[in-house]
């Protein structure tokens, strides 16, 4: 492995580790995990899903999904009801309050990122978005390849 890539990897890790958790970082992280992620998933995928599907999409345990769903249901942001087709299964549905919550959080995130990108300037902002898209595509490709290898190994 090229020394330059190792040095860059250390810098990348250090940037994340040396910057103390800020309100902004917690704000960003909260939009891509836990309750917000479940609500966003439901909002984007037909407004309903099975708990197992949510757990797989978020890559979390069934216990974690159960805790998230309990909290969201208590806040009136989702409902859980028996599936019409298979009464043994529970289907999770986002409520109108949940849809409104997602819209509000998305608007807050949008405003935050607009401000961040404006601070970078047009060229750096465009480059940052391009590189983020590229990194996410590479990560997704690597994860797909890993799943395929595991499936081949299992068969």
Protein backbone atom coordinates (compact mmCIF):
# COMPACT_ATOMS: atom_id res chain seq x y z
CA UNK A 1 0.00 0.00 0.00
CA UNK A 2 1.31 3.41 -0.92
CA UNK A 3 2.61 5.39 2.07
CA UNK A 4 0.66 8.43 0.90
CA UNK A 5 -2.66 6.61 1.31
CA UNK A 6 -1.68 5.45 4.80
CA UNK A 7 -0.74 9.01 5.77
CA UNK A 8 -4.00 10.34 4.37
CA UNK A 9 -5.96 7.66 6.23
CA UNK A 10 -4.29 8.70 9.50
CA UNK A 11 -5.14 12.35 8.78
CA UNK A 12 -8.73 11.47 8.03
CA UNK A 13 -9.07 9.51 11.27
CA UNK A 14 -7.33 12.27 13.22
CA UNK A 15 -9.65 14.95 11.85
CA UNK A 16 -12.64 13.05 13.18
CA UNK A 17 -10.99 12.11 16.47
CA UNK A 18 -9.38 15.44 17.35
CA UNK A 19 -12.42 17.61 16.74
CA UNK A 20 -14.48 17.38 19.90
CA UNK A 21 -18.12 16.49 19.41
CA UNK A 22 -19.86 19.73 18.52
CA UNK A 23 -23.54 20.56 18.37
CA UNK A 24 -23.22 20.55 14.58
CA UNK A 25 -21.61 17.10 14.51
CA UNK A 26 -24.24 15.66 16.85
CA UNK A 27 -26.92 17.29 14.67
CA UNK A 28 -25.53 15.64 11.53
CA UNK A 29 -25.01 12.27 13.20
CA UNK A 30 -28.56 12.25 14.55
CA UNK A 31 -29.97 12.65 11.04
CA UNK A 32 -28.29 9.44 9.90
CA UNK A 33 -28.98 7.10 12.82
CA UNK A 34 -31.57 5.80 15.24
CA UNK A 35 -35.07 7.19 15.23
CA UNK A 36 -34.49 9.69 12.42
CA UNK A 37 -33.17 6.96 10.14
CA UNK A 38 -36.19 4.72 10.79
CA UNK A 39 -38.60 7.57 10.07
CA UNK A 40 -36.72 8.57 6.91
CA UNK A 41 -36.70 4.95 5.73
CA UNK A 42 -40.45 4.62 6.27
CA UNK A 43 -41.09 7.94 4.56
CA UNK A 44 -39.04 6.91 1.50
CA UNK A 45 -40.30 3.31 1.24
CA UNK A 46 -44.06 3.45 1.01
CA UNK A 47 -44.55 4.65 4.60
CA UNK A 48 -44.62 1.14 6.04
CA UNK A 49 -42.24 -1.76 6.66
CA UNK A 50 -41.73 -4.81 8.82
CA UNK A 51 -39.43 -4.49 11.84
CA UNK A 52 -37.06 -7.10 10.37
CA UNK A 53 -36.75 -5.04 7.17
CA UNK A 54 -35.95 -1.92 9.21
CA UNK A 55 -33.29 -3.77 11.21
CA UNK A 56 -31.65 -5.09 8.06
CA UNK A 57 -31.72 -1.68 6.37
CA UNK A 58 -30.12 -0.03 9.40
CA UNK A 59 -27.84 -2.98 10.22
CA UNK A 60 -28.90 -3.10 13.87
CA UNK A 61 -30.14 -5.83 16.18
CA UNK A 62 -33.78 -6.71 16.66
CA UNK A 63 -33.50 -5.48 20.25
CA UNK A 64 -32.29 -2.06 19.04
CA UNK A 65 -35.10 -1.83 16.47
CA UNK A 66 -37.65 -2.79 19.14
CA UNK A 67 -36.35 -0.01 21.42
CA UNK A 68 -36.44 2.56 18.60
CA UNK A 69 -39.97 1.55 17.60
CA UNK A 70 -41.18 1.72 21.21
CA UNK A 71 -39.82 5.25 21.51
CA UNK A 72 -41.27 6.40 18.17
CA UNK A 73 -44.65 4.86 18.96
CA UNK A 74 -44.66 6.58 22.34
CA UNK A 75 -44.07 9.89 20.56
CA UNK A 76 -46.93 9.21 18.14
CA UNK A 77 -44.59 9.17 15.12
CA UNK A 78 -45.35 5.57 14.09
CA UNK A 79 -47.98 2.92 14.66
CA UNK A 80 -47.53 -0.84 14.88
CA UNK A 81 -50.37 -3.08 13.79
CA UNK A 82 -50.93 -6.64 12.64
CA UNK A 83 -50.37 -7.22 8.94
CA UNK A 84 -53.60 -7.70 6.96
CA UNK A 85 -52.09 -10.54 4.90
CA UNK A 86 -50.31 -12.36 7.73
CA UNK A 87 -51.77 -11.71 11.16
CA UNK A 88 -48.63 -13.11 12.79
CA UNK A 89 -46.52 -10.22 11.51
CA UNK A 90 -46.43 -6.63 12.71
CA UNK A 91 -46.24 -3.80 10.20
CA UNK A 92 -44.81 -0.42 11.14
CA UNK A 93 -46.43 2.68 9.63
CA UNK A 94 -45.32 6.28 9.85
CA UNK A 95 -48.04 8.64 11.09
CA UNK A 96 -48.75 12.10 9.71
CA UNK A 97 -46.91 13.48 12.75
CA UNK A 98 -43.95 11.31 11.72
CA UNK A 99 -44.10 12.60 8.14
CA UNK A 100 -44.19 16.17 9.45
CA UNK A 101 -41.24 15.45 11.76
CA UNK A 102 -39.19 14.07 8.85
CA UNK A 103 -40.00 17.16 6.75
CA UNK A 104 -38.93 19.47 9.58
CA UNK A 105 -35.67 17.57 10.19
CA UNK A 106 -34.92 17.45 6.47
CA UNK A 107 -35.44 21.22 6.22
CA UNK A 108 -33.10 21.78 9.18
CA UNK A 109 -30.46 19.53 7.61
CA UNK A 110 -30.86 21.25 4.24
CA UNK A 111 -30.35 24.68 5.78
CA UNK A 112 -27.31 23.44 7.71
CA UNK A 113 -25.67 21.97 4.60
CA UNK A 114 -26.43 25.04 2.49
CA UNK A 115 -24.62 27.15 5.08
CA UNK A 116 -21.69 24.72 5.24
CA UNK A 117 -21.33 24.59 1.46
CA UNK A 118 -21.57 28.39 1.17
CA UNK A 119 -18.69 28.68 3.67
CA UNK A 120 -16.59 26.41 1.46
CA UNK A 121 -17.13 28.44 -1.68
CA UNK A 122 -18.51 27.14 -4.99
CA UNK A 123 -15.49 25.16 -6.21
CA UNK A 124 -14.70 23.44 -2.91
CA UNK A 125 -18.40 22.79 -2.26
CA UNK A 126 -18.84 21.10 -5.65
CA UNK A 127 -15.66 19.08 -5.13
CA UNK A 128 -16.75 18.05 -1.62
CA UNK A 129 -20.11 16.81 -2.91
CA UNK A 130 -18.46 15.00 -5.85
CA UNK A 131 -15.96 13.25 -3.58
CA UNK A 132 -18.62 12.37 -1.01
CA UNK A 133 -20.75 10.79 -3.76
CA UNK A 134 -17.72 8.89 -5.04
CA UNK A 135 -16.79 7.65 -1.55
CA UNK A 136 -20.36 6.50 -0.86
CA UNK A 137 -20.48 4.65 -4.21
CA UNK A 138 -17.18 2.89 -3.43
CA UNK A 139 -18.40 1.91 0.05
CA UNK A 140 -21.69 0.57 -1.38
CA UNK A 141 -19.83 -1.43 -4.07
CA UNK A 142 -17.48 -2.94 -1.47
CA UNK A 143 -20.39 -3.91 0.77
CA UNK A 144 -22.29 -5.50 -2.13
CA UNK A 145 -19.19 -7.48 -3.11
CA UNK A 146 -18.74 -8.66 0.47
CA UNK A 147 -22.37 -9.81 0.68
CA UNK A 148 -22.00 -11.65 -2.64
CA UNK A 149 -18.84 -13.42 -1.40
CA UNK A 150 -20.65 -14.49 1.79
CA UNK A 151 -23.63 -15.77 -0.21
CA UNK A 152 -21.36 -17.79 -2.52
CA UNK A 153 -19.47 -19.17 0.48
CA UNK A 154 -22.73 -20.16 2.21
CA UNK A 155 -24.08 -22.05 -0.82
